[in-house]
Amino acid sequence: MDFIHFRDFLLTGMKMSHIYQPVMLKHLLLTGGKATDVEIAAQLLQYDEAELEYYQNITNRMVGQVLRKRGIVAKDKNTYHLPDYARLSRQQINELINICDVKVDEYIRKRGEAIWSHRSKSRRIIPGTIRYEVLKRAQFRCELCGISASEKALEVDHIVPKNHGGEDSLHNYQALCYSCNASKGDRDATDFREAEVMYQVRKKECIFCHLPSGRIQLENHLAVAILDLYPVTNGHTLIIPKRHTADYFQLNQPEINAINDIIHKVRQNLQKKDAVISGFNIGMNCGTSAGQTIFHTHIHLIPRRERDVADPTGGIRNIITEKGNYLLTHS
């Protein structure tokens, strides 16, 4: 590509979803037009604030603390220094640098790639299609602080960290901005070693814990959908987490994600089968006073059709007698 076409591409032809293209091209221009993928990756890494924050935390909370306690380094605000550096000769400095290099090489030879396993587990490349689904589900906003992707780059994070047994599934992913992701990291104090066991919790006497396979209409790793045995409308479906939990408030985020995934799929399936469906009620009963009779979390997805009741005004507000039509009760 000649200069004119190259410049025109940079100015008008380059569609950017991140900084990657100009960083790569700049590096190639600075290195004689050629560079390895590792060298280009190292350039991209310089701009990655999430990685920078991660190793800044390592510096301050781990290595910096150890070396300060041993009296090897000192710290003034955010600057580290060697207290006796001025007393070292150039020859002594070079000798100490060589010893540091030898120590690094010896450790890498002894431990191999395992020394970076804490990063590789959580930094596994997530396919673009899955990444897009996670970001779309989050409406392209950080699910912790709410900032938009247009203001700060979003990353796909494991809700339950990989090194605590978290799985690579859509239900265990969330969208976080790089700042929130770096702050969360994989250092959560919760013990997730029994996570898989937790998801297997069933109660012997619970009918929703032991559903016949023939009743299941749809399922994923953490939830199932069945038709209600006593439907209030045709297509009335229950979405049920596989783990035994008394009500919605005991669910964890991956289970909520799994339930939402099934709700959307059931809705799509029902609308394909029945074009008359024009609305839905989604609801759940939490506690005896709210009408709950089966104490295993379940969400009702109820298809609605025009004129299926005389006056649908108020919807779920009609749970409380005469409170459905608030326009009449407050007129």
Protein backbone atom coordinates (compact mmCIF):
# COMPACT_ATOMS: atom_id res chain seq x y z
CA MET A 1 0.00 0.00 0.00
CA ASP A 2 1.48 3.35 -1.01
CA PHE A 3 1.63 6.40 1.27
CA ILE A 4 -1.55 8.04 -0.07
CA HIS A 5 -3.69 4.92 0.38
CA PHE A 6 -2.11 4.19 3.79
CA ARG A 7 -2.81 7.74 5.01
CA ASP A 8 -6.38 7.68 3.63
CA PHE A 9 -7.00 4.37 5.41
CA LEU A 10 -5.80 5.84 8.72
CA LEU A 11 -7.79 9.05 8.31
CA THR A 12 -11.09 7.77 6.90
CA GLY A 13 -11.07 4.03 6.15
CA MET A 14 -10.16 2.58 9.56
CA LYS A 15 -13.25 1.59 11.57
CA MET A 16 -12.18 1.39 15.22
CA SER A 17 -13.84 -0.57 18.01
CA HIS A 18 -10.67 -0.22 20.12
CA ILE A 19 -7.13 1.23 19.93
CA TYR A 20 -5.62 -1.97 18.53
CA GLN A 21 -5.25 -1.07 14.84
CA PRO A 22 -3.36 2.25 15.18
CA VAL A 23 -1.14 0.83 17.97
CA MET A 24 -0.15 -2.14 15.78
CA LEU A 25 0.45 0.00 12.69
CA LYS A 26 2.50 2.57 14.63
CA HIS A 27 4.73 -0.17 16.03
CA LEU A 28 5.27 -1.67 12.57
CA LEU A 29 6.20 1.78 11.27
CA LEU A 30 8.71 2.21 14.09
CA THR A 31 10.33 -1.23 13.63
CA GLY A 32 11.15 -1.20 9.96
CA GLY A 33 7.75 -2.52 8.84
CA LYS A 34 7.99 -5.88 10.61
CA ALA A 35 7.35 -7.22 14.13
CA THR A 36 6.35 -10.50 15.81
CA ASP A 37 2.93 -11.04 17.35
CA VAL A 38 4.55 -11.08 20.80
CA GLU A 39 6.16 -7.70 20.17
CA ILE A 40 2.84 -6.22 18.99
CA ALA A 41 1.03 -7.73 22.00
CA ALA A 42 3.60 -6.07 24.29
CA GLN A 43 2.76 -2.70 22.72
CA LEU A 44 -0.98 -3.22 23.26
CA LEU A 45 -0.27 -4.20 26.86
CA GLN A 46 1.22 -0.76 27.53
CA TYR A 47 -2.22 0.78 27.00
CA ASP A 48 -4.16 -1.79 29.03
CA GLU A 49 -5.06 0.04 32.24
CA ALA A 50 -6.67 -3.06 33.73
CA GLU A 51 -3.38 -4.97 33.50
CA LEU A 52 -1.53 -1.93 34.79
CA GLU A 53 -3.84 -1.69 37.83
CA TYR A 54 -3.46 -5.43 38.45
CA TYR A 55 0.34 -5.25 38.66
CA GLN A 56 0.16 -1.98 40.56
CA ASN A 57 -1.78 -3.89 43.23
CA ILE A 58 0.82 -6.68 43.12
CA THR A 59 3.55 -4.07 43.63
CA ASN A 60 1.90 -2.35 46.57
CA ARG A 61 0.18 -5.21 48.38
CA MET A 62 2.70 -8.00 47.89
CA VAL A 63 6.23 -7.43 46.62
CA GLY A 64 6.45 -3.83 47.82
CA GLN A 65 5.35 -4.75 51.35
CA VAL A 66 7.82 -7.65 51.59
CA LEU A 67 10.81 -5.60 50.40
CA ARG A 68 9.91 -2.67 52.66
CA LYS A 69 9.69 -4.93 55.71
CA ARG A 70 13.12 -6.34 54.90
CA GLY A 71 14.54 -2.82 54.60
CA ILE A 72 15.57 -3.28 50.95
CA VAL A 73 13.32 -0.56 49.52
CA ALA A 74 11.50 2.48 50.88
CA LYS A 75 8.40 4.28 49.65
CA ASP A 76 7.49 7.95 49.49
CA LYS A 77 3.82 8.32 48.46
CA ASN A 78 3.66 6.30 45.22
CA THR A 79 7.41 6.21 44.54
CA TYR A 80 9.73 3.37 45.57
CA HIS A 81 13.48 3.88 45.95
CA LEU A 82 16.62 2.07 47.05
CA PRO A 83 17.82 4.00 50.14
CA ASP A 84 21.52 3.27 49.58
CA TYR A 85 21.58 3.43 45.78
CA ALA A 86 23.93 6.45 45.74
CA ARG A 87 26.57 4.42 47.61
CA LEU A 88 26.70 1.69 44.94
CA SER A 89 29.33 1.73 42.22
CA ARG A 90 28.44 1.06 38.59
CA GLN A 91 30.19 -2.31 38.82
CA GLN A 92 28.19 -3.22 41.93
CA ILE A 93 24.94 -2.15 40.25
CA ASN A 94 25.70 -4.31 37.20
CA GLU A 95 26.52 -7.28 39.42
CA LEU A 96 23.25 -6.92 41.32
CA ILE A 97 21.30 -6.64 38.03
CA ASN A 98 22.94 -9.84 36.78
CA ILE A 99 21.97 -11.65 40.00
CA CYS A 100 18.34 -10.50 39.53
CA ASP A 101 18.36 -11.86 35.96
CA VAL A 102 19.78 -15.19 37.14
CA LYS A 103 17.12 -15.46 39.86
CA VAL A 104 14.33 -14.82 37.35
CA ASP A 105 15.75 -17.36 34.87
CA GLU A 106 16.23 -20.02 37.57
CA TYR A 107 12.67 -19.61 38.87
CA ILE A 108 11.13 -19.79 35.39
CA ARG A 109 13.15 -22.92 34.56
CA LYS A 110 12.05 -24.53 37.82
CA ARG A 111 8.34 -23.66 37.68
CA GLY A 112 7.70 -23.17 33.97
CA GLU A 113 4.45 -21.62 32.74
CA ALA A 114 2.70 -22.53 36.00
CA ILE A 115 3.92 -19.24 37.52
CA TRP A 116 1.39 -17.42 35.30
CA SER A 117 -1.50 -19.87 35.75
CA HIS A 118 -3.32 -17.43 38.04
CA ARG A 119 -3.53 -15.06 35.07
CA SER A 120 -4.11 -17.52 32.24
CA LYS A 121 -7.11 -19.07 33.98
CA SER A 122 -8.90 -15.77 34.25
CA ARG A 123 -7.61 -14.32 30.97
CA ARG A 124 -8.65 -17.12 28.63
CA ILE A 125 -9.75 -15.67 25.31
CA ILE A 126 -13.55 -15.52 25.17
CA PRO A 127 -15.03 -16.05 21.68
CA GLY A 128 -16.34 -12.90 20.05
CA THR A 129 -19.90 -14.17 19.71
CA ILE A 130 -20.13 -14.95 23.44
CA ARG A 131 -18.49 -11.64 24.33
CA TYR A 132 -21.08 -9.83 22.22
CA GLU A 133 -23.96 -11.70 23.92
CA VAL A 134 -22.64 -10.77 27.38
CA LEU A 135 -22.23 -7.10 26.46
CA LYS A 136 -25.62 -7.00 24.74
CA ARG A 137 -27.29 -8.53 27.81
CA ALA A 138 -25.67 -5.80 29.91
CA GLN A 139 -26.86 -3.13 27.45
CA PHE A 140 -23.19 -2.25 26.89
CA ARG A 141 -22.81 -0.94 30.43
CA CYS A 142 -20.66 -2.09 33.35
CA GLU A 143 -22.84 -4.32 35.53
CA LEU A 144 -21.12 -3.03 38.67
CA CYS A 145 -20.79 0.75 38.31
CA GLY A 146 -23.11 1.26 35.31
CA ILE A 147 -20.71 3.26 33.13
CA SER A 148 -21.31 3.06 29.38
CA ALA A 149 -18.96 1.24 26.97
CA SER A 150 -18.64 4.54 25.11
CA GLU A 151 -16.95 6.05 28.19
CA LYS A 152 -14.80 3.15 29.38
CA ALA A 153 -13.77 -0.12 27.77
CA LEU A 154 -15.78 -3.14 28.96
CA GLU A 155 -14.36 -6.58 29.68
CA VAL A 156 -16.07 -9.94 30.05
CA ASP A 157 -15.44 -11.24 33.55
CA HIS A 158 -16.07 -14.58 35.28
CA ILE A 159 -18.57 -13.97 38.10
CA VAL A 160 -17.18 -16.97 39.97
CA PRO A 161 -13.44 -16.75 39.15
CA LYS A 162 -11.85 -19.54 37.13
CA ASN A 163 -9.33 -20.31 39.86
CA HIS A 164 -12.25 -20.80 42.28
CA GLY A 165 -13.98 -23.32 40.03
CA GLY A 166 -16.01 -20.92 37.86
CA GLU A 167 -17.15 -22.35 34.54
CA ASP A 168 -16.82 -20.97 31.03
CA SER A 169 -20.51 -20.40 30.35
CA LEU A 170 -22.73 -17.49 29.43
CA HIS A 171 -24.37 -17.68 32.86
CA ASN A 172 -21.04 -17.15 34.65
CA TYR A 173 -20.01 -14.11 32.61
CA GLN A 174 -20.68 -10.46 33.34
CA ALA A 175 -19.67 -7.18 31.70
CA LEU A 176 -17.36 -5.02 33.82
CA CYS A 177 -15.41 -1.89 32.94
CA TYR A 178 -11.66 -2.33 33.23
CA SER A 179 -11.55 -0.43 36.55
CA CYS A 180 -14.23 -2.55 38.25
CA ASN A 181 -12.73 -5.74 36.84
CA ALA A 182 -9.27 -4.84 38.13
CA SER A 183 -10.73 -4.00 41.56
CA LYS A 184 -12.69 -7.26 41.70
CA GLY A 185 -9.85 -9.37 40.34
CA ASP A 186 -9.90 -13.00 41.39
CA ARG A 187 -9.18 -12.34 45.05
CA ASP A 188 -12.73 -12.68 46.42
CA ALA A 189 -12.46 -14.15 49.91
CA THR A 190 -15.47 -16.41 49.40
CA ASP A 191 -14.49 -20.08 49.28
CA PHE A 192 -15.76 -21.34 45.93
CA ARG A 193 -14.08 -24.74 46.15
CA GLU A 194 -17.47 -26.33 46.82
CA ALA A 195 -19.28 -24.36 44.12
CA GLU A 196 -20.10 -27.42 42.02
CA VAL A 197 -21.34 -29.28 45.10
CA MET A 198 -23.53 -26.31 46.00
CA TYR A 199 -25.26 -26.43 42.61
CA GLN A 200 -26.09 -30.10 43.16
CA VAL A 201 -28.16 -29.39 46.31
CA ARG A 202 -31.55 -31.15 46.07
CA LYS A 203 -34.21 -31.97 48.68
CA LYS A 204 -35.60 -35.48 48.70
CA GLU A 205 -39.18 -34.37 49.37
CA CYS A 206 -39.21 -31.46 46.86
CA ILE A 207 -41.14 -32.16 43.65
CA PHE A 208 -39.18 -29.51 41.70
CA CYS A 209 -35.87 -31.08 42.72
CA HIS A 210 -36.81 -34.37 41.02
CA LEU A 211 -38.70 -33.51 37.87
CA PRO A 212 -39.33 -36.31 35.35
CA SER A 213 -37.24 -35.73 32.23
CA GLY A 214 -40.41 -35.91 30.12
CA ARG A 215 -41.78 -32.73 31.72
CA ILE A 216 -38.75 -30.59 30.90
CA GLN A 217 -39.37 -28.30 27.94
CA LEU A 218 -36.05 -26.48 27.99
CA GLU A 219 -32.94 -26.44 30.18
CA ASN A 220 -29.41 -25.14 30.59
CA HIS A 221 -26.71 -25.80 33.18
CA LEU A 222 -28.58 -24.21 36.08
CA ALA A 223 -32.30 -24.03 35.27
CA VAL A 224 -35.20 -25.79 33.54
CA ALA A 225 -38.59 -24.86 32.09
CA ILE A 226 -41.75 -26.95 32.47
CA LEU A 227 -45.41 -26.42 31.63
CA ASP A 228 -47.54 -25.61 34.67
CA LEU A 229 -49.84 -28.54 35.59
CA TYR A 230 -52.60 -26.07 36.44
CA PRO A 231 -52.17 -23.34 33.79
CA VAL A 232 -54.04 -20.07 34.04
CA THR A 233 -53.58 -19.61 30.25
CA ASN A 234 -52.43 -21.87 27.45
CA GLY A 235 -48.62 -22.00 27.49
CA HIS A 236 -48.26 -21.06 31.17
CA THR A 237 -44.64 -22.07 31.95
CA LEU A 238 -42.56 -22.38 35.10
CA ILE A 239 -38.84 -21.60 35.06
CA ILE A 240 -37.07 -23.38 37.91
CA PRO A 241 -33.45 -23.33 39.14
CA LYS A 242 -31.99 -26.82 39.51
CA ARG A 243 -30.46 -26.03 42.89
CA HIS A 244 -32.93 -26.13 45.77
CA THR A 245 -33.54 -22.58 46.97
CA ALA A 246 -36.63 -21.43 48.85
CA ASP A 247 -37.24 -18.26 46.85
CA TYR A 248 -35.79 -15.74 44.41
CA PHE A 249 -33.79 -13.94 47.08
CA GLN A 250 -31.56 -17.00 47.64
CA LEU A 251 -30.45 -17.20 44.00
CA ASN A 252 -26.96 -16.21 42.98
CA GLN A 253 -26.13 -14.18 39.88
CA PRO A 254 -25.23 -17.09 37.54
CA GLU A 255 -28.60 -18.69 38.36
CA ILE A 256 -30.44 -15.43 37.68
CA ASN A 257 -28.62 -15.19 34.34
CA ALA A 258 -29.58 -18.78 33.51
CA ILE A 259 -33.23 -18.18 34.41
CA ASN A 260 -33.38 -15.00 32.32
CA ASP A 261 -31.88 -16.88 29.38
CA ILE A 262 -34.64 -19.50 29.55
CA ILE A 263 -37.39 -16.89 30.02
CA HIS A 264 -36.38 -15.21 26.75
CA LYS A 265 -36.17 -18.51 24.88
CA VAL A 266 -39.54 -19.75 26.15
CA ARG A 267 -41.13 -16.43 25.19
CA GLN A 268 -39.73 -16.71 21.66
CA ASN A 269 -40.90 -20.32 21.34
CA LEU A 270 -44.42 -19.50 22.54
CA GLN A 271 -44.75 -16.56 20.16
CA LYS A 272 -43.64 -18.71 17.23
CA LYS A 273 -46.27 -21.32 18.08
CA ASP A 274 -49.10 -18.92 18.84
CA ALA A 275 -49.31 -15.63 16.95
CA VAL A 276 -52.31 -14.58 19.08
CA ILE A 277 -50.11 -14.06 22.15
CA SER A 278 -49.85 -10.30 22.66
CA GLY A 279 -48.35 -9.98 26.15
CA PHE A 280 -46.89 -11.78 29.16
CA ASN A 281 -47.06 -11.71 32.93
CA ILE A 282 -43.85 -12.69 34.74
CA GLY A 283 -44.11 -13.27 38.46
CA MET A 284 -43.17 -15.32 41.49
CA ASN A 285 -44.49 -15.94 44.98
CA CYS A 286 -41.97 -15.49 47.80
CA GLY A 287 -43.29 -16.56 51.18
CA THR A 288 -46.55 -17.98 52.53
CA SER A 289 -48.21 -14.57 52.81
CA ALA A 290 -47.42 -13.99 49.13
CA GLY A 291 -49.19 -17.22 48.19
CA GLN A 292 -46.18 -19.54 47.83
CA THR A 293 -47.10 -23.20 48.26
CA ILE A 294 -44.05 -24.98 46.78
CA PHE A 295 -40.92 -23.74 48.52
CA HIS A 296 -38.54 -24.19 45.65
CA THR A 297 -37.95 -21.02 43.61
CA HIS A 298 -40.05 -20.91 40.46
CA ILE A 299 -40.96 -18.10 38.09
CA HIS A 300 -44.29 -18.02 36.26
CA LEU A 301 -44.27 -16.95 32.61
CA ILE A 302 -47.91 -16.49 31.63
CA PRO A 303 -48.84 -15.71 28.01
CA ARG A 304 -51.63 -13.18 27.58
CA ARG A 305 -54.02 -12.66 24.69
CA GLU A 306 -56.42 -9.89 23.80
CA ARG A 307 -59.69 -10.13 25.79
CA ASP A 308 -58.60 -13.20 27.79
CA VAL A 309 -60.13 -11.31 30.76
CA ALA A 310 -62.75 -8.58 30.77
CA ASP A 311 -60.36 -5.88 32.05
CA PRO A 312 -56.59 -6.61 32.18
CA THR A 313 -55.77 -3.17 33.65
CA GLY A 314 -53.29 -3.45 36.54
CA GLY A 315 -51.97 -6.88 35.63
CA ILE A 316 -50.20 -8.38 38.64
CA ARG A 317 -51.62 -5.63 40.86
CA ASN A 318 -54.82 -7.69 40.83
CA ILE A 319 -53.11 -10.07 43.26
CA ILE A 320 -54.57 -7.78 45.94
CA THR A 321 -58.35 -7.68 45.49
CA GLU A 322 -59.68 -4.42 44.07
CA LYS A 323 -56.18 -2.91 43.82
CA GLY A 324 -55.60 -3.75 40.17
CA ASN A 325 -57.06 -0.66 38.51
CA TYR A 326 -55.21 2.11 40.35
CA LEU A 327 -56.82 4.69 38.04
CA LEU A 328 -60.21 3.90 39.56
CA THR A 329 -59.07 3.38 43.17
CA HIS A 330 -57.24 6.74 43.20
CA SER A 331 -59.73 8.81 41.19
